[in-house]
Amino acid sequence: MTKAVREALEGVSEIELTVTGRKTGRQITHPVWFVQEEESAFLVPITGSDSDWYKNVQQTPFVQLAVNGTAVSSTATPITEPDRVDHVVKMFREKYGSDQVDKSYPKRDVAVQVSLT
């Protein structure tokens, strides 16, 4: 991970996720919460596996994350193993608070890992 990316993510609670629409092929950007661990950012779709952006990532895993004028294009890897999803959700609870995560993320059955390198 570059120093610029690391610095751009410091203290940030929301980033811009750009995915390719599975039906339209257009670039679609969404604000999302994230957590960072080692060389990856982890995302949790608000409506879990029913989320359109998650379905788009499954079809076209190439995404872009952007924050404060810094962008990273990378591959997104869906996470479906319950233990790994629980680990990501736990990190979300630590960053954003359990009440906020429970209220904002009613379905927590999947997560996404995006390499930052």
N, C-alpha and C. Protein backbone atom coordinates (compact mmCIF):
# COMPACT_ATOMS: atom_id res chain seq x y z
N MET A 1 0.85 -1.17 0.00
CA MET A 1 0.00 0.00 0.00
C MET A 1 0.89 1.23 0.00
N THR A 2 0.56 2.16 -0.84
CA THR A 2 1.37 3.36 -0.91
C THR A 2 1.11 4.26 0.29
N LYS A 3 2.08 5.09 0.56
CA LYS A 3 1.96 6.03 1.68
C LYS A 3 0.78 6.98 1.44
N ALA A 4 0.56 7.40 0.19
CA ALA A 4 -0.54 8.31 -0.13
C ALA A 4 -1.90 7.69 0.19
N VAL A 5 -2.06 6.42 -0.13
CA VAL A 5 -3.33 5.74 0.17
C VAL A 5 -3.51 5.61 1.67
N ARG A 6 -2.47 5.20 2.36
CA ARG A 6 -2.52 5.04 3.81
C ARG A 6 -2.91 6.36 4.47
N GLU A 7 -2.28 7.45 4.04
CA GLU A 7 -2.59 8.77 4.62
C GLU A 7 -4.00 9.22 4.28
N ALA A 8 -4.45 8.94 3.05
CA ALA A 8 -5.79 9.35 2.64
C ALA A 8 -6.88 8.66 3.46
N LEU A 9 -6.63 7.42 3.88
CA LEU A 9 -7.63 6.65 4.63
C LEU A 9 -7.64 6.97 6.13
N GLU A 10 -6.60 7.61 6.62
CA GLU A 10 -6.51 7.90 8.05
C GLU A 10 -7.65 8.79 8.50
N GLY A 11 -8.36 8.35 9.50
CA GLY A 11 -9.42 9.15 10.11
C GLY A 11 -10.66 9.32 9.25
N VAL A 12 -10.76 8.59 8.16
CA VAL A 12 -11.90 8.71 7.26
C VAL A 12 -12.93 7.64 7.60
N SER A 13 -14.20 8.02 7.58
CA SER A 13 -15.24 7.03 7.89
C SER A 13 -15.97 6.55 6.64
N GLU A 14 -15.84 7.29 5.53
CA GLU A 14 -16.59 6.94 4.33
C GLU A 14 -15.70 7.13 3.10
N ILE A 15 -15.80 6.19 2.16
CA ILE A 15 -15.07 6.29 0.91
C ILE A 15 -16.05 6.11 -0.25
N GLU A 16 -15.59 6.42 -1.45
CA GLU A 16 -16.41 6.24 -2.65
C GLU A 16 -16.01 4.93 -3.31
N LEU A 17 -16.97 4.06 -3.53
CA LEU A 17 -16.78 2.78 -4.20
C LEU A 17 -17.39 2.89 -5.60
N THR A 18 -16.59 2.60 -6.63
CA THR A 18 -17.10 2.60 -7.99
C THR A 18 -17.06 1.17 -8.52
N VAL A 19 -18.21 0.71 -8.99
CA VAL A 19 -18.36 -0.64 -9.55
C VAL A 19 -18.90 -0.52 -10.97
N THR A 20 -18.83 -1.61 -11.71
CA THR A 20 -19.40 -1.67 -13.05
C THR A 20 -20.76 -2.34 -12.98
N GLY A 21 -21.78 -1.66 -13.46
CA GLY A 21 -23.14 -2.21 -13.44
C GLY A 21 -23.22 -3.50 -14.24
N ARG A 22 -23.79 -4.51 -13.65
CA ARG A 22 -23.86 -5.82 -14.30
C ARG A 22 -24.84 -5.83 -15.47
N LYS A 23 -25.81 -4.94 -15.48
CA LYS A 23 -26.77 -4.87 -16.58
C LYS A 23 -26.42 -3.77 -17.57
N THR A 24 -25.97 -2.64 -17.06
CA THR A 24 -25.72 -1.48 -17.92
C THR A 24 -24.28 -1.36 -18.39
N GLY A 25 -23.34 -1.93 -17.62
CA GLY A 25 -21.93 -1.77 -17.94
C GLY A 25 -21.39 -0.40 -17.58
N ARG A 26 -22.24 0.45 -17.00
CA ARG A 26 -21.82 1.80 -16.60
C ARG A 26 -21.09 1.77 -15.26
N GLN A 27 -20.26 2.78 -15.05
CA GLN A 27 -19.59 2.95 -13.77
C GLN A 27 -20.58 3.58 -12.79
N ILE A 28 -20.74 2.97 -11.62
CA ILE A 28 -21.68 3.43 -10.61
C ILE A 28 -20.91 3.65 -9.32
N THR A 29 -21.09 4.81 -8.72
CA THR A 29 -20.35 5.16 -7.50
C THR A 29 -21.30 5.25 -6.31
N HIS A 30 -20.86 4.66 -5.19
CA HIS A 30 -21.63 4.65 -3.95
C HIS A 30 -20.72 5.08 -2.80
N PRO A 31 -21.24 5.89 -1.86
CA PRO A 31 -20.48 6.11 -0.63
C PRO A 31 -20.64 4.89 0.27
N VAL A 32 -19.55 4.41 0.83
CA VAL A 32 -19.60 3.22 1.70
C VAL A 32 -18.71 3.40 2.91
N TRP A 33 -19.07 2.73 3.98
CA TRP A 33 -18.20 2.62 5.13
C TRP A 33 -17.17 1.54 4.85
N PHE A 34 -16.07 1.59 5.55
CA PHE A 34 -15.02 0.60 5.34
C PHE A 34 -14.20 0.45 6.62
N VAL A 35 -13.48 -0.64 6.68
CA VAL A 35 -12.45 -0.83 7.69
C VAL A 35 -11.20 -1.29 6.96
N GLN A 36 -10.09 -1.04 7.58
CA GLN A 36 -8.82 -1.40 6.97
C GLN A 36 -8.08 -2.37 7.89
N GLU A 37 -7.49 -3.39 7.28
CA GLU A 37 -6.66 -4.33 8.02
C GLU A 37 -5.51 -4.71 7.10
N GLU A 38 -4.31 -4.49 7.58
CA GLU A 38 -3.10 -4.76 6.80
C GLU A 38 -3.19 -4.04 5.45
N GLU A 39 -3.11 -4.76 4.35
CA GLU A 39 -3.06 -4.16 3.02
C GLU A 39 -4.41 -4.20 2.30
N SER A 40 -5.51 -4.29 3.06
CA SER A 40 -6.83 -4.41 2.45
C SER A 40 -7.84 -3.50 3.11
N ALA A 41 -8.83 -3.11 2.31
CA ALA A 41 -10.03 -2.46 2.84
C ALA A 41 -11.13 -3.50 2.79
N PHE A 42 -12.01 -3.45 3.78
CA PHE A 42 -13.12 -4.39 3.85
C PHE A 42 -14.42 -3.60 3.86
N LEU A 43 -15.38 -4.07 3.09
CA LEU A 43 -16.67 -3.41 2.95
C LEU A 43 -17.77 -4.40 3.31
N VAL A 44 -18.87 -3.88 3.83
CA VAL A 44 -20.04 -4.70 4.10
C VAL A 44 -21.22 -4.05 3.39
N PRO A 45 -21.86 -4.75 2.45
CA PRO A 45 -23.03 -4.19 1.78
C PRO A 45 -24.19 -4.03 2.77
N ILE A 46 -24.88 -2.91 2.71
CA ILE A 46 -25.96 -2.63 3.66
C ILE A 46 -27.02 -3.72 3.66
N THR A 47 -27.40 -4.20 2.48
CA THR A 47 -28.42 -5.26 2.41
C THR A 47 -27.77 -6.61 2.09
N GLY A 48 -26.53 -6.76 2.49
CA GLY A 48 -25.83 -8.03 2.34
C GLY A 48 -25.79 -8.51 0.90
N SER A 49 -26.00 -9.80 0.73
CA SER A 49 -25.91 -10.41 -0.60
C SER A 49 -27.01 -9.92 -1.54
N ASP A 50 -28.01 -9.21 -1.03
CA ASP A 50 -29.06 -8.65 -1.87
C ASP A 50 -28.68 -7.28 -2.46
N SER A 51 -27.59 -6.71 -2.00
CA SER A 51 -27.16 -5.38 -2.44
C SER A 51 -26.76 -5.39 -3.92
N ASP A 52 -27.24 -4.39 -4.65
CA ASP A 52 -26.89 -4.32 -6.07
C ASP A 52 -25.39 -4.17 -6.28
N TRP A 53 -24.73 -3.33 -5.47
CA TRP A 53 -23.29 -3.17 -5.72
C TRP A 53 -22.54 -4.47 -5.44
N TYR A 54 -23.01 -5.27 -4.50
CA TYR A 54 -22.37 -6.56 -4.24
C TYR A 54 -22.57 -7.49 -5.44
N LYS A 55 -23.76 -7.52 -5.99
CA LYS A 55 -24.03 -8.34 -7.17
C LYS A 55 -23.17 -7.89 -8.35
N ASN A 56 -22.97 -6.57 -8.46
CA ASN A 56 -22.10 -6.05 -9.52
C ASN A 56 -20.67 -6.52 -9.34
N VAL A 57 -20.18 -6.51 -8.11
CA VAL A 57 -18.82 -6.97 -7.82
C VAL A 57 -18.66 -8.45 -8.14
N GLN A 58 -19.69 -9.23 -7.89
CA GLN A 58 -19.62 -10.65 -8.22
C GLN A 58 -19.43 -10.87 -9.72
N GLN A 59 -20.06 -10.03 -10.52
CA GLN A 59 -19.94 -10.18 -11.97
C GLN A 59 -18.66 -9.55 -12.50
N THR A 60 -18.32 -8.36 -12.01
CA THR A 60 -17.11 -7.66 -12.45
C THR A 60 -16.36 -7.21 -11.20
N PRO A 61 -15.37 -7.98 -10.78
CA PRO A 61 -14.71 -7.70 -9.50
C PRO A 61 -13.72 -6.55 -9.51
N PHE A 62 -13.54 -5.86 -10.63
CA PHE A 62 -12.62 -4.74 -10.67
C PHE A 62 -13.35 -3.48 -10.17
N VAL A 63 -12.84 -2.85 -9.12
CA VAL A 63 -13.49 -1.69 -8.50
C VAL A 63 -12.48 -0.56 -8.31
N GLN A 64 -13.01 0.59 -7.93
CA GLN A 64 -12.16 1.71 -7.55
C GLN A 64 -12.64 2.23 -6.20
N LEU A 65 -11.69 2.52 -5.32
CA LEU A 65 -11.98 3.18 -4.05
C LEU A 65 -11.34 4.56 -4.12
N ALA A 66 -12.07 5.59 -3.69
CA ALA A 66 -11.53 6.94 -3.73
C ALA A 66 -11.89 7.69 -2.46
N VAL A 67 -10.93 8.53 -2.05
CA VAL A 67 -11.14 9.39 -0.88
C VAL A 67 -10.16 10.54 -0.95
N ASN A 68 -10.65 11.73 -0.67
CA ASN A 68 -9.79 12.91 -0.58
C ASN A 68 -8.84 13.06 -1.77
N GLY A 69 -9.33 12.83 -2.98
CA GLY A 69 -8.51 13.00 -4.17
C GLY A 69 -7.55 11.86 -4.47
N THR A 70 -7.56 10.82 -3.67
CA THR A 70 -6.71 9.66 -3.89
C THR A 70 -7.59 8.49 -4.28
N ALA A 71 -7.19 7.77 -5.33
CA ALA A 71 -7.99 6.62 -5.79
C ALA A 71 -7.10 5.40 -5.97
N VAL A 72 -7.70 4.23 -5.73
CA VAL A 72 -7.03 2.96 -5.93
C VAL A 72 -7.96 2.08 -6.75
N SER A 73 -7.46 1.55 -7.85
CA SER A 73 -8.21 0.57 -8.63
C SER A 73 -7.67 -0.80 -8.27
N SER A 74 -8.57 -1.72 -8.01
CA SER A 74 -8.13 -3.03 -7.52
C SER A 74 -9.21 -4.07 -7.75
N THR A 75 -8.88 -5.29 -7.38
CA THR A 75 -9.83 -6.39 -7.46
C THR A 75 -10.55 -6.55 -6.13
N ALA A 76 -11.85 -6.74 -6.20
CA ALA A 76 -12.66 -6.98 -5.01
C ALA A 76 -12.95 -8.47 -4.91
N THR A 77 -12.79 -9.01 -3.72
CA THR A 77 -13.02 -10.43 -3.50
C THR A 77 -14.19 -10.61 -2.53
N PRO A 78 -15.30 -11.20 -2.98
CA PRO A 78 -16.41 -11.45 -2.06
C PRO A 78 -16.00 -12.42 -0.95
N ILE A 79 -16.50 -12.15 0.24
CA ILE A 79 -16.26 -13.01 1.40
C ILE A 79 -17.62 -13.57 1.81
N THR A 80 -17.74 -14.91 1.81
CA THR A 80 -19.01 -15.53 2.18
C THR A 80 -18.88 -16.47 3.37
N GLU A 81 -17.65 -16.79 3.76
CA GLU A 81 -17.46 -17.68 4.91
C GLU A 81 -17.91 -16.96 6.18
N PRO A 82 -18.85 -17.55 6.93
CA PRO A 82 -19.42 -16.88 8.10
C PRO A 82 -18.38 -16.37 9.10
N ASP A 83 -17.33 -17.12 9.37
CA ASP A 83 -16.32 -16.67 10.34
C ASP A 83 -15.60 -15.41 9.85
N ARG A 84 -15.28 -15.37 8.56
CA ARG A 84 -14.60 -14.20 8.00
C ARG A 84 -15.53 -12.99 7.96
N VAL A 85 -16.80 -13.22 7.59
CA VAL A 85 -17.77 -12.12 7.58
C VAL A 85 -17.93 -11.58 9.00
N ASP A 86 -18.04 -12.46 9.99
CA ASP A 86 -18.18 -12.03 11.39
C ASP A 86 -16.98 -11.19 11.82
N HIS A 87 -15.78 -11.56 11.38
CA HIS A 87 -14.57 -10.80 11.72
C HIS A 87 -14.65 -9.37 11.16
N VAL A 88 -15.09 -9.26 9.91
CA VAL A 88 -15.22 -7.94 9.29
C VAL A 88 -16.29 -7.12 10.02
N VAL A 89 -17.42 -7.73 10.32
CA VAL A 89 -18.50 -7.03 11.03
C VAL A 89 -18.02 -6.59 12.41
N LYS A 90 -17.22 -7.40 13.07
CA LYS A 90 -16.66 -7.02 14.36
C LYS A 90 -15.78 -5.78 14.22
N MET A 91 -14.97 -5.73 13.16
CA MET A 91 -14.14 -4.55 12.92
C MET A 91 -15.02 -3.32 12.66
N PHE A 92 -16.13 -3.50 11.92
CA PHE A 92 -17.07 -2.40 11.68
C PHE A 92 -17.65 -1.91 13.00
N ARG A 93 -18.03 -2.83 13.88
CA ARG A 93 -18.59 -2.44 15.18
C ARG A 93 -17.58 -1.65 16.00
N GLU A 94 -16.31 -2.06 15.94
CA GLU A 94 -15.27 -1.35 16.68
C GLU A 94 -15.06 0.06 16.14
N LYS A 95 -15.17 0.23 14.83
CA LYS A 95 -14.94 1.54 14.21
C LYS A 95 -16.16 2.45 14.30
N TYR A 96 -17.33 1.91 14.03
CA TYR A 96 -18.54 2.73 13.90
C TYR A 96 -19.50 2.62 15.08
N GLY A 97 -19.31 1.64 15.94
CA GLY A 97 -20.20 1.42 17.07
C GLY A 97 -21.23 0.35 16.75
N SER A 98 -21.46 -0.53 17.72
CA SER A 98 -22.39 -1.65 17.52
C SER A 98 -23.79 -1.18 17.15
N ASP A 99 -24.27 -0.12 17.83
CA ASP A 99 -25.62 0.37 17.55
C ASP A 99 -25.77 0.82 16.10
N GLN A 100 -24.78 1.57 15.60
CA GLN A 100 -24.83 2.07 14.23
C GLN A 100 -24.78 0.93 13.21
N VAL A 101 -23.90 -0.04 13.46
CA VAL A 101 -23.77 -1.17 12.54
C VAL A 101 -25.04 -2.00 12.53
N ASP A 102 -25.58 -2.29 13.72
CA ASP A 102 -26.80 -3.09 13.79
C ASP A 102 -27.97 -2.38 13.12
N LYS A 103 -28.04 -1.06 13.26
CA LYS A 103 -29.12 -0.29 12.67
C LYS A 103 -28.94 -0.13 11.15
N SER A 104 -27.71 0.09 10.71
CA SER A 104 -27.45 0.40 9.30
C SER A 104 -27.26 -0.83 8.42
N TYR A 105 -26.94 -1.96 9.02
CA TYR A 105 -26.65 -3.18 8.25
C TYR A 105 -27.55 -4.32 8.72
N PRO A 106 -28.80 -4.34 8.24
CA PRO A 106 -29.74 -5.36 8.72
C PRO A 106 -29.40 -6.79 8.28
N LYS A 107 -28.69 -6.93 7.16
CA LYS A 107 -28.33 -8.26 6.68
C LYS A 107 -26.81 -8.30 6.54
N ARG A 108 -26.17 -9.13 7.36
CA ARG A 108 -24.72 -9.18 7.41
C ARG A 108 -24.24 -10.58 7.04
N ASP A 109 -24.52 -10.99 5.79
CA ASP A 109 -24.17 -12.35 5.39
C ASP A 109 -22.95 -12.42 4.47
N VAL A 110 -22.47 -11.27 4.00
CA VAL A 110 -21.30 -11.23 3.12
C VAL A 110 -20.48 -9.98 3.42
N ALA A 111 -19.25 -9.98 2.93
CA ALA A 111 -18.38 -8.81 3.00
C ALA A 111 -17.54 -8.83 1.73
N VAL A 112 -16.75 -7.79 1.53
CA VAL A 112 -15.89 -7.70 0.36
C VAL A 112 -14.52 -7.21 0.79
N GLN A 113 -13.49 -7.85 0.27
CA GLN A 113 -12.11 -7.43 0.52
C GLN A 113 -11.56 -6.80 -0.73
N VAL A 114 -10.94 -5.62 -0.58
CA VAL A 114 -10.32 -4.92 -1.69
C VAL A 114 -8.85 -4.69 -1.35
N SER A 115 -7.98 -5.23 -2.17
CA SER A 115 -6.55 -5.04 -1.95
C SER A 115 -6.18 -3.59 -2.18
N LEU A 116 -5.35 -3.05 -1.31
CA LEU A 116 -4.92 -1.66 -1.43
C LEU A 116 -3.50 -1.55 -1.98
N THR A 117 -2.95 -2.63 -2.45
CA THR A 117 -1.58 -2.59 -2.99
C THR A 117 -1.58 -2.48 -4.49
